[in-house]
Protein backbone atom coordinates (compact mmCIF):
# COMPACT_ATOMS: atom_id res chain seq x y z
CA MET A 1 -73.46 90.38 147.37
CA LEU A 2 -74.55 88.49 145.20
CA PRO A 3 -72.35 86.76 142.03
CA ASP A 4 -73.21 88.89 139.17
CA LEU A 5 -73.03 86.48 136.29
CA SER A 6 -73.71 89.09 133.78
CA ALA A 7 -74.62 88.47 130.34
CA ASP A 8 -71.52 89.60 128.89
CA LEU A 9 -69.28 87.30 131.41
CA THR A 10 -71.22 84.40 130.62
CA ALA A 11 -70.95 85.03 126.47
CA ARG A 12 -67.41 85.16 127.30
CA LEU A 13 -67.02 81.91 129.49
CA ARG A 14 -69.49 79.89 126.67
CA ALA A 15 -67.21 80.84 124.55
CA ALA A 16 -64.10 80.17 126.43
CA PHE A 17 -65.65 76.68 126.93
CA LEU A 18 -66.64 75.42 123.11
CA ALA A 19 -63.37 76.72 122.06
CA ALA A 20 -61.63 74.57 125.06
CA ASP A 21 -64.23 71.40 124.24
CA TYR A 22 -65.15 71.75 127.98
CA ASP A 23 -68.14 70.00 127.70
CA ALA A 24 -69.44 66.81 128.74
CA ASP A 25 -68.26 64.39 125.86
CA GLY A 26 -64.88 66.76 125.79
CA VAL A 27 -64.47 66.07 129.76
CA VAL A 28 -64.98 62.42 129.64
CA ASP A 29 -62.74 62.20 126.18
CA VAL A 30 -59.60 64.22 128.00
CA LEU A 31 -60.01 61.79 131.25
CA GLY A 32 -60.98 58.60 129.64
CA PRO A 33 -63.27 55.95 131.34
CA GLN A 34 -61.17 54.55 134.71
CA ALA A 35 -59.99 58.54 135.62
CA HIS A 36 -63.68 59.64 134.83
CA ALA A 37 -65.12 56.56 137.21
CA ALA A 38 -62.67 57.62 140.28
CA LEU A 39 -63.46 61.35 139.82
CA GLY A 40 -67.57 60.09 140.53
CA ARG A 41 -65.97 58.22 143.47
CA GLY A 42 -64.22 61.47 144.66
CA GLU A 43 -60.44 60.21 143.63
CA PRO A 44 -59.25 63.44 141.63
CA GLU A 45 -55.46 62.21 141.51
CA ALA A 46 -56.13 60.01 138.24
CA ALA A 47 -58.17 62.85 136.25
CA ARG A 48 -54.93 65.21 137.84
CA ARG A 49 -52.32 62.83 135.74
CA ALA A 50 -55.14 62.47 132.45
CA THR A 51 -55.42 65.84 132.36
CA ARG A 52 -51.49 67.06 132.53
CA ASP A 53 -51.14 67.65 128.89
CA ALA A 54 -54.71 68.62 128.12
CA GLY A 55 -54.15 72.63 127.41
CA ALA A 56 -56.85 74.77 128.01
CA LEU A 57 -59.55 71.98 128.75
CA GLY A 58 -56.69 70.12 131.51
CA THR A 59 -56.72 73.98 133.15
CA LEU A 60 -60.58 74.17 132.84
CA THR A 61 -61.08 70.65 134.37
CA ARG A 62 -58.79 70.75 137.52
CA LEU A 63 -60.02 74.27 137.73
CA PHE A 64 -63.55 74.14 138.37
CA LEU A 65 -64.16 69.97 138.55
CA LEU A 66 -60.83 69.09 140.83
CA GLY A 67 -60.92 72.34 142.77
CA ASP A 68 -57.46 72.63 142.33
CA THR A 69 -55.42 75.95 142.48
CA GLU A 70 -53.85 77.66 138.81
CA SER A 71 -51.50 79.89 137.85
CA GLU A 72 -52.87 82.66 136.53
CA ALA A 73 -50.98 82.48 133.18
CA ALA A 74 -53.05 79.08 132.82
CA VAL A 75 -56.19 80.54 133.47
CA ARG A 76 -55.91 83.97 131.04
CA GLN A 77 -54.75 80.92 128.56
CA ALA A 78 -57.87 79.04 129.16
CA LEU A 79 -60.59 82.17 129.39
CA PRO A 80 -58.68 84.59 126.91
CA ASP A 81 -61.36 87.39 126.58
CA VAL A 82 -62.17 86.73 130.25
CA ASP A 83 -61.40 89.61 132.68
CA LEU A 84 -60.13 87.85 135.49
CA ASP A 85 -60.96 91.21 137.92
CA THR A 86 -64.49 90.68 136.74
CA ALA A 87 -64.62 86.93 137.11
CA VAL A 88 -63.13 87.08 141.03
CA LYS A 89 -65.53 89.66 141.55
CA ALA A 90 -68.07 86.77 140.12
CA GLU A 91 -67.28 84.68 142.36
CA VAL A 92 -66.30 82.78 139.30
CA LEU A 93 -62.69 82.63 140.38
CA ARG A 94 -61.12 83.36 143.54
CA ALA A 95 -57.66 84.29 144.47
CA ASP A 96 -55.82 81.82 146.04
CA GLY A 97 -51.88 83.32 146.70
CA ASP A 98 -50.26 83.71 143.70
CA GLY A 99 -52.61 81.48 141.53
CA LEU A 100 -56.71 81.61 140.97
CA ARG A 101 -58.91 78.93 142.06
CA ALA A 102 -62.60 78.22 141.19
CA GLY A 103 -65.31 79.92 143.14
CA LEU A 104 -68.02 79.14 141.59
CA ASP A 105 -69.03 75.25 140.31
CA ILE A 106 -69.16 75.60 136.65
CA ARG A 107 -69.58 72.20 135.27
CA PRO A 108 -70.39 70.47 131.97
CA TYR A 109 -73.61 68.26 132.11
CA GLY A 110 -75.83 66.72 129.17
CA ASP A 111 -78.37 64.32 128.06
CA ASP A 112 -78.70 62.55 125.21
CA GLU A 113 -78.99 65.62 122.79
CA GLY A 114 -76.37 67.61 123.93
CA SER A 115 -74.45 69.19 126.52
CA TRP A 116 -74.87 72.17 129.14
CA TRP A 117 -72.96 73.73 131.60
CA VAL A 118 -74.57 74.50 135.07
CA ILE A 119 -73.55 77.06 137.88
CA ALA A 120 -73.95 76.54 141.48
CA ASP A 121 -72.03 76.79 144.67
CA GLN A 122 -68.89 74.30 145.88
CA ASP A 123 -69.71 71.57 147.62
CA SER A 124 -68.67 70.65 151.68
CA GLU A 125 -65.11 69.19 149.82
CA GLN A 126 -64.32 71.35 146.84
CA ARG A 127 -65.16 74.31 149.98
CA GLY A 128 -63.09 72.33 152.25
CA GLY A 129 -65.55 72.17 154.74
CA PRO A 130 -69.44 72.91 155.89
CA VAL A 131 -71.48 74.95 153.11
CA PRO A 132 -73.49 78.02 154.27
CA THR A 133 -76.94 78.23 154.93
CA ASP A 134 -77.86 79.81 151.31
CA HIS A 135 -75.68 77.11 149.60
CA VAL A 136 -76.58 76.38 146.14
CA LEU A 137 -76.80 72.82 145.46
CA GLY A 138 -75.21 71.47 141.90
CA VAL A 139 -76.12 68.84 139.76
CA GLY A 140 -77.22 65.61 142.49
CA HIS A 141 -78.75 62.13 142.82
CA ALA A 142 -82.26 64.04 143.67
CA SER A 143 -81.99 66.13 140.25
CA ILE A 144 -80.76 63.62 138.12
CA SER A 145 -83.50 61.04 139.49
CA LEU A 146 -86.02 63.56 138.62
CA ALA A 147 -85.15 64.91 135.43
CA ARG A 148 -85.34 60.92 134.69
CA ALA A 149 -88.70 60.35 136.04
CA THR A 150 -90.34 63.19 134.15
CA SER A 151 -91.87 62.88 131.25
CA ARG A 152 -90.62 64.57 128.56
CA ARG A 153 -93.58 64.76 125.90
CA GLN A 154 -93.70 68.68 123.95
CA VAL A 155 -95.67 70.93 126.02
CA GLY A 156 -96.69 74.68 125.58
CA THR A 157 -96.25 75.92 129.30
CA LEU A 158 -93.80 74.53 131.77
CA LEU A 159 -93.00 76.01 135.34
CA ASP A 160 -89.84 74.34 137.18
CA LEU A 161 -90.45 75.31 140.95
CA GLY A 162 -87.81 75.56 143.17
CA THR A 163 -85.50 75.65 140.26
CA GLY A 164 -81.74 75.84 142.30
CA CYS A 165 -79.41 76.20 139.48
CA GLY A 166 -81.84 75.38 136.82
CA VAL A 167 -80.77 71.78 136.40
CA GLN A 168 -84.69 70.89 135.51
CA ALA A 169 -85.55 73.80 133.48
CA LEU A 170 -82.38 72.98 130.98
CA HIS A 171 -84.37 69.77 130.86
CA ALA A 172 -87.24 71.52 129.90
CA SER A 173 -85.73 73.44 127.21
CA ARG A 174 -85.93 70.49 125.26
CA HIS A 175 -89.40 70.31 125.28
CA ALA A 176 -91.14 72.93 126.86
CA GLN A 177 -92.17 76.42 124.41
CA LYS A 178 -91.97 78.52 127.58
CA ILE A 179 -90.12 77.90 130.41
CA THR A 180 -91.00 80.11 134.24
CA ALA A 181 -88.41 79.00 137.24
CA THR A 182 -89.02 79.99 140.64
CA ASP A 183 -87.14 79.71 143.47
CA LEU A 184 -87.43 81.57 147.64
CA SER A 185 -83.81 82.24 147.56
CA GLU A 186 -82.06 85.69 145.87
CA ARG A 187 -78.85 83.95 145.50
CA ALA A 188 -80.00 80.40 143.53
CA LEU A 189 -81.79 82.46 141.32
CA ALA A 190 -78.48 84.82 140.59
CA LEU A 191 -76.87 81.36 139.82
CA ALA A 192 -79.57 79.77 137.58
CA ALA A 193 -79.76 83.38 135.59
CA GLY A 194 -76.00 82.53 134.88
CA THR A 195 -77.14 79.08 133.93
CA PHE A 196 -79.72 79.86 131.82
CA ARG A 197 -77.26 83.05 129.83
CA ILE A 198 -74.42 80.45 129.33
CA ASN A 199 -76.43 77.90 127.86
CA GLU A 200 -78.79 80.60 125.82
CA VAL A 201 -82.02 78.96 127.29
CA ASP A 202 -84.78 81.40 127.79
CA VAL A 203 -86.28 81.52 131.29
CA GLU A 204 -89.06 83.87 132.81
CA LEU A 205 -87.72 84.01 136.79
CA ARG A 206 -89.86 84.71 139.69
CA GLN A 207 -88.28 85.16 143.47
CA GLY A 208 -91.28 84.02 146.24
CA GLU A 209 -92.19 81.07 148.20
CA TRP A 210 -93.55 77.90 147.06
CA PHE A 211 -96.70 79.20 144.74
CA GLY A 212 -96.50 82.26 145.77
CA PRO A 213 -95.23 84.25 142.84
CA LEU A 214 -97.45 82.66 140.09
CA ARG A 215 -101.27 83.45 141.42
CA GLY A 216 -104.04 83.14 138.57
CA ARG A 217 -101.35 81.34 136.54
CA ARG A 218 -101.49 77.27 134.99
CA PHE A 219 -99.57 75.45 133.31
CA ASP A 220 -99.49 72.57 130.95
CA GLN A 221 -96.41 70.56 133.36
CA VAL A 222 -95.00 71.73 136.39
CA VAL A 223 -92.09 69.69 137.79
CA CYS A 224 -90.76 70.05 141.41
CA ASN A 225 -87.45 69.33 143.73
CA PRO A 226 -88.53 70.89 146.33
CA PRO A 227 -86.72 71.06 150.31
CA PHE A 228 -87.96 67.44 150.90
CA VAL A 229 -85.62 66.35 154.14
CA VAL A 230 -88.28 65.23 157.04
CA GLY A 231 -87.48 66.21 160.46
CA PRO A 232 -87.62 69.29 162.99
CA PRO A 233 -89.09 72.58 161.97
CA ARG A 234 -86.07 74.27 161.04
CA VAL A 235 -83.72 75.64 158.33
CA ASP A 236 -80.17 74.85 158.41
CA TYR A 237 -79.82 74.36 154.71
CA VAL A 238 -82.48 76.23 152.61
CA TYR A 239 -81.82 73.80 149.38
CA ARG A 240 -83.30 71.13 151.33
CA ASP A 241 -85.17 72.54 154.26
CA SER A 242 -88.63 73.95 154.21
CA GLY A 243 -89.09 75.40 157.54
CA LEU A 244 -92.21 72.98 158.44
CA ALA A 245 -92.28 70.16 160.01
CA GLY A 246 -92.28 66.36 159.21
CA ASP A 247 -93.52 65.79 155.61
CA ASP A 248 -95.49 69.24 156.02
CA ALA A 249 -93.12 70.19 152.54
CA SER A 250 -94.07 67.37 149.94
CA ALA A 251 -97.59 67.57 151.85
CA LEU A 252 -98.06 71.03 150.39
CA VAL A 253 -96.49 70.74 147.29
CA VAL A 254 -98.75 67.79 146.34
CA ARG A 255 -101.96 69.48 147.81
CA GLN A 256 -101.50 72.81 146.08
CA MET A 257 -99.70 72.08 142.34
CA PRO A 258 -103.36 70.89 140.94
CA SER A 259 -104.70 74.61 141.42
CA PHE A 260 -101.46 75.30 138.96
CA LEU A 261 -102.22 72.54 136.32
CA ASN A 262 -104.13 73.01 132.87
CA GLU A 263 -106.76 70.40 132.75
CA GLY A 264 -105.19 67.51 131.46
CA GLY A 265 -101.96 69.29 132.60
CA VAL A 266 -99.04 66.86 134.60
CA GLY A 267 -96.73 67.82 137.64
CA GLN A 268 -94.31 65.75 138.89
CA LEU A 269 -91.77 65.90 142.32
CA LEU A 270 -89.69 64.83 143.92
CA ALA A 271 -91.45 63.78 147.83
CA SER A 272 -90.46 62.40 150.90
CA TRP A 273 -93.14 60.99 153.34
CA LEU A 274 -93.10 59.93 157.68
CA HIS A 275 -93.72 55.90 158.22
CA ARG A 276 -95.25 56.37 161.19
CA LYS A 277 -95.84 53.91 163.68
CA GLY A 278 -99.47 52.47 162.95
CA GLU A 279 -100.18 54.04 160.00
CA ASP A 280 -99.78 53.29 156.38
CA TRP A 281 -97.63 55.27 153.80
CA ALA A 282 -100.33 54.98 151.46
CA ASP A 283 -103.05 56.25 153.76
CA ARG A 284 -100.93 58.53 154.57
CA VAL A 285 -99.43 60.43 150.82
CA SER A 286 -103.25 60.15 149.61
CA ALA A 287 -104.57 61.79 151.55
CA TRP A 288 -102.84 64.73 151.12
CA LEU A 289 -104.26 65.12 147.49
CA PRO A 290 -107.27 67.50 146.85
CA HIS A 291 -111.09 66.05 146.72
CA GLY A 292 -111.08 64.53 142.72
CA GLY A 293 -109.84 65.72 139.73
CA VAL A 294 -106.47 64.64 140.35
CA ASP A 295 -105.16 60.92 138.90
CA ALA A 296 -101.96 60.12 141.03
CA TRP A 297 -99.44 57.85 140.94
CA PHE A 298 -97.17 57.74 144.19
CA VAL A 299 -93.82 55.68 143.58
CA GLN A 300 -91.69 55.20 146.46
CA ARG A 301 -88.21 54.23 145.54
CA ASP A 302 -86.77 53.47 149.34
CA ILE A 303 -87.31 53.67 152.82
CA ALA A 304 -84.46 55.01 155.01
CA ASP A 305 -84.02 53.92 158.90
CA PRO A 306 -83.98 57.39 161.01
CA ALA A 307 -80.59 56.63 162.41
CA LEU A 308 -79.30 56.25 158.50
CA TYR A 309 -81.16 58.87 157.31
CA VAL A 310 -80.19 61.85 159.97
CA GLY A 311 -76.07 60.63 159.09
CA THR A 312 -76.86 60.53 155.33
CA TRP A 313 -78.12 64.85 155.74
CA LEU A 314 -75.55 65.74 157.88
CA ARG A 315 -72.70 64.38 155.61
CA ASP A 316 -74.57 65.66 152.73
CA ALA A 317 -74.40 69.24 154.55
CA GLY A 318 -70.51 68.82 155.01
CA VAL A 319 -71.09 68.51 158.82
CA ASP A 320 -69.07 65.58 160.60
CA PRO A 321 -71.80 63.32 162.40
CA ARG A 322 -68.60 62.87 165.29
CA SER A 323 -68.75 66.15 166.01
CA ASP A 324 -69.90 68.71 168.93
CA GLU A 325 -72.32 70.40 166.10
CA GLY A 326 -73.26 67.16 164.41
CA ARG A 327 -73.87 65.05 167.86
CA ALA A 328 -76.33 67.87 168.99
CA LYS A 329 -77.75 68.27 165.50
CA ALA A 330 -78.61 64.73 165.24
CA SER A 331 -79.66 64.43 168.99
CA ALA A 332 -82.68 66.50 168.41
CA TRP A 333 -83.52 65.15 165.02
CA LEU A 334 -83.66 61.67 166.38
CA ASP A 335 -85.39 63.25 169.06
CA TRP A 336 -88.31 64.32 167.25
CA PHE A 337 -88.45 61.40 165.14
CA ALA A 338 -88.97 59.46 168.70
CA GLU A 339 -91.82 61.93 169.67
CA ASN A 340 -93.96 61.35 166.27
CA ASP A 341 -93.27 57.74 166.17
CA VAL A 342 -91.55 57.67 163.12
CA GLU A 343 -90.04 54.89 162.02
CA GLY A 344 -88.63 55.26 158.85
CA VAL A 345 -88.92 57.85 155.70
CA GLY A 346 -90.14 57.09 152.65
CA PHE A 347 -88.71 58.97 149.49
CA GLY A 348 -89.61 58.87 145.97
CA PHE A 349 -91.70 60.25 143.05
CA VAL A 350 -95.40 61.67 142.83
CA THR A 351 -97.04 61.83 139.31
CA LEU A 352 -100.10 64.20 139.00
CA ARG A 353 -102.70 64.98 136.55
CA ARG A 354 -105.58 66.87 136.81
CA THR A 355 -108.84 66.33 134.98
CA ASP A 356 -112.65 66.37 135.17
CA THR A 357 -113.37 63.30 134.64
CA GLU A 358 -115.82 61.96 137.90
CA HIS A 359 -113.17 58.93 138.95
CA ALA A 360 -109.77 59.60 139.53
CA GLU A 361 -106.79 57.03 139.74
CA VAL A 362 -105.19 57.86 143.04
CA VAL A 363 -102.28 54.54 143.21
CA CYS A 364 -99.15 54.36 145.76
CA GLU A 365 -96.73 51.69 144.71
CA ASP A 366 -93.06 50.29 146.39
CA LEU A 367 -90.47 50.66 142.85
CA ARG A 368 -87.86 49.15 145.41
CA GLN A 369 -86.30 47.51 142.77
CA ALA A 370 -83.19 47.84 141.03
CA TYR A 371 -84.00 48.97 137.46
CA ASP A 372 -82.29 51.05 134.79
CA ASP A 373 -84.76 52.43 132.38
CA PRO A 374 -85.66 56.31 133.26
CA LEU A 375 -89.22 56.08 135.26
CA GLY A 376 -90.06 59.56 132.67
CA PRO A 377 -91.51 57.55 129.49
CA GLU A 378 -93.36 55.23 132.03
CA SER A 379 -95.15 58.04 133.85
CA ALA A 380 -96.37 59.10 130.85
CA ALA A 381 -97.30 55.92 129.45
CA TRP A 382 -99.32 55.04 133.12
CA LEU A 383 -100.97 58.32 132.83
CA ASP A 384 -102.32 57.31 129.30
CA ARG A 385 -102.86 53.47 129.86
CA VAL A 386 -105.46 54.84 132.97
CA ALA A 387 -107.10 57.21 130.58
CA TRP A 388 -107.60 54.21 128.12
CA LEU A 389 -108.83 52.30 131.46
CA ARG A 390 -111.21 54.54 132.75
CA ALA A 391 -112.79 55.16 129.14
CA THR A 392 -113.44 51.55 129.07
CA ASP A 393 -116.19 49.88 130.56
CA ASN A 394 -116.31 45.96 131.44
CA ALA A 395 -117.88 45.20 128.26
CA LYS A 396 -115.40 47.51 125.89
CA LEU A 397 -112.73 45.57 127.86
CA LEU A 398 -114.15 42.10 127.48
CA ALA A 399 -114.92 43.12 122.98
CA THR A 400 -110.80 44.12 123.16
CA ARG A 401 -108.24 42.15 121.36
CA PHE A 402 -104.93 41.96 123.51
CA ASP A 403 -101.60 41.52 122.81
CA VAL A 404 -98.44 40.71 125.38
CA PRO A 405 -95.21 42.67 124.63
CA GLU A 406 -92.26 40.91 123.52
CA THR A 407 -90.82 42.55 126.26
CA VAL A 408 -92.65 40.45 128.85
CA LEU A 409 -91.51 36.94 129.61
CA LEU A 410 -93.83 34.16 132.06
CA GLU A 411 -91.50 32.30 134.58
CA GLU A 412 -92.40 29.17 136.05
CA VAL A 413 -90.73 27.70 139.70
CA SER A 414 -91.76 23.87 139.81
CA ALA A 415 -90.36 22.19 142.67
CA PRO A 416 -90.20 18.23 142.95
CA SER A 417 -93.19 15.96 143.93
CA GLU A 418 -94.30 12.57 144.00
CA GLU A 419 -95.36 13.24 140.28
CA GLY A 420 -92.58 14.67 139.21
CA TRP A 421 -92.23 18.45 138.93
CA GLU A 422 -95.02 20.77 140.21
CA SER A 423 -95.56 24.56 139.15
CA VAL A 424 -95.72 26.58 142.34
CA VAL A 425 -94.97 30.22 141.20
CA ARG A 426 -95.75 31.53 137.62
CA ARG A 427 -94.72 35.49 137.40
CA LEU A 428 -94.90 37.73 134.58
CA HIS A 429 -91.97 39.34 134.48
CA ARG A 430 -91.80 42.98 132.44
CA THR A 431 -88.32 43.09 131.20
CA ASP A 432 -88.36 47.06 130.47
CA GLY A 433 -89.35 50.39 132.53
CA PRO A 434 -89.16 49.71 135.99
CA GLY A 435 -89.56 45.96 135.80
CA TRP A 436 -93.05 45.41 137.10
CA GLN A 437 -93.77 41.59 137.91
CA HIS A 438 -96.73 39.73 138.53
CA GLU A 439 -97.64 36.26 139.94
CA LEU A 440 -100.51 34.40 137.98
CA ASP A 441 -102.57 31.39 138.41
CA GLU A 442 -102.55 28.66 136.37
CA THR A 443 -105.93 29.53 134.63
CA ALA A 444 -104.51 33.18 134.30
CA ALA A 445 -101.86 32.32 132.66
CA LYS A 446 -103.46 30.14 130.31
CA LEU A 447 -105.93 32.82 129.17
CA LEU A 448 -102.83 35.23 128.55
CA ALA A 449 -101.30 32.58 125.90
CA GLY A 450 -104.37 33.61 124.05
CA PHE A 451 -103.38 37.42 124.10
CA ARG A 452 -102.11 37.03 120.40
CA GLY A 453 -104.40 39.61 118.96
CA ALA A 454 -106.27 37.28 117.10
CA LEU A 455 -109.32 36.92 119.35
CA PRO A 456 -111.08 39.45 121.86
CA LEU A 457 -110.94 38.44 125.42
CA GLU A 458 -114.68 37.41 125.65
CA ASP A 459 -114.18 34.54 122.97
CA LEU A 460 -110.91 33.67 124.81
CA VAL A 461 -112.63 33.38 127.99
CA ALA A 462 -115.38 31.37 126.38
CA LEU A 463 -113.14 29.08 124.77
CA LEU A 464 -110.51 28.77 128.06
CA ALA A 465 -113.79 27.87 129.93
CA TYR A 466 -115.21 25.50 127.96
CA ALA A 467 -111.89 24.22 127.37
CA HIS A 468 -112.04 23.37 131.39
CA ASP A 469 -115.64 22.91 132.24
CA LEU A 470 -115.23 26.29 134.11
CA ASP A 471 -118.22 29.08 134.36
CA ALA A 472 -118.11 31.65 131.45
CA ASP A 473 -119.53 34.47 133.44
CA ALA A 474 -117.43 33.44 136.30
CA LEU A 475 -114.03 33.34 134.66
CA ALA A 476 -114.86 36.51 132.88
CA GLU A 477 -115.43 38.05 136.35
CA ALA A 478 -112.88 36.86 137.76
CA ALA A 479 -110.18 37.64 134.80
CA LEU A 480 -111.17 41.22 134.56
CA PRO A 481 -109.71 42.83 137.28
CA VAL A 482 -106.50 41.20 136.96
CA VAL A 483 -106.04 42.36 133.02
CA ARG A 484 -106.96 45.65 134.26
CA GLU A 485 -104.21 45.42 136.58
CA LEU A 486 -101.89 44.37 133.67
CA VAL A 487 -103.04 46.76 131.19
CA ARG A 488 -102.15 49.47 133.84
CA HIS A 489 -98.73 48.05 134.37
CA GLY A 490 -98.27 47.97 129.99
CA MET A 491 -98.06 43.92 130.37
CA VAL A 492 -100.59 43.50 128.21
CA VAL A 493 -101.86 46.19 125.77
CA PRO A 494 -104.39 46.29 123.24
CA ALA A 495 -104.00 44.82 119.99
């Protein structure tokens, strides 16, 4: 049986939530910063105390966020127009002795523009044990990370491939005119439909495996949070396991996604890739791409060693790695890694753009440093800069006037020497976005000092060559690739 989250039931839930201020701001306000932070750490008692006298909002918060049992009278008061028997049949609630508990995870989730409600299955802590195979994951770190890494420019059509509970489609409703969402799981589609109904968001839903339900269609943007967990070809949990071996799920999406993009369309996904002995990860992921016609930016955010990786995902599903089940699964998983020479598992974001240009740009970069700014605006700007560089040959580049943005700083590190302090490192820092850094030599630093929008690059090269008795042609030849790299990272910009 699938949860029947009908239009009538979700409309009544929506009205009750609005009346009680059960939204992202309302929950934060009633909990206060300390209890809210404690709840985020999995410590519910402070939140329980903060909601004691909060009326309907307190009841809903304890019911759906803390997993508490509430009296039937309190639930009726918090959900006055909801038939409780109908809610139990729809799995929204479940009986627990003389009271009621939440049967589904229904929680506020918002962005800078407002708040939604996301309907998903309860996690292992709320359930009090491991989740079932068809578990539908709620708002997690991966979905939030992908949302922050996704470009939000206005588009006509958008595909959310593997929608799960519908988080990416909700974000897409801010900038896409028409949204299509797919999933292999019937349960995921049932819960996603409830998410879209309760938020009054219009989404076309299709069931099927990968791109199967979309043959012959193309979109302006595709987002995908695939079942990217790598390891043996099995399916323990449909939300994370593809049934494909290793990193074949990520490879499949990267390989096929460009065929479902309009010209100039952008695809973005979370992905994992194997780090195998004797193999460069960049060579591995680049080989997934079709030949030509796709700009690609692979950003590696983390690398996990196999033992840490296995333990993390076992706990994620509520499986104790020390239990007989956990030990058996961990053993099989680690055996597979050893047999396939896996030294680590990389994780990150992939941005693709379909292009008819002859020379597509494929870049693989490590971005494992900490940064606060979302990657979405940077991914869109990266594609813009790549297109500008492609259209700008060396002659045009030399004729361009450049600026150094105010967010870019030059750091110099000096060491003591016989003649005083001697500069040993010159490092350019971009203080916004992903915090790019580039080391420069003395000549490059002096060249960039002239990037104030007044003179074209060729004149600055000529002046620097004259001042330091250098060959102007050789200096220009050396400067061009450096300037291109700095433009690509937004550290210098055309004036």
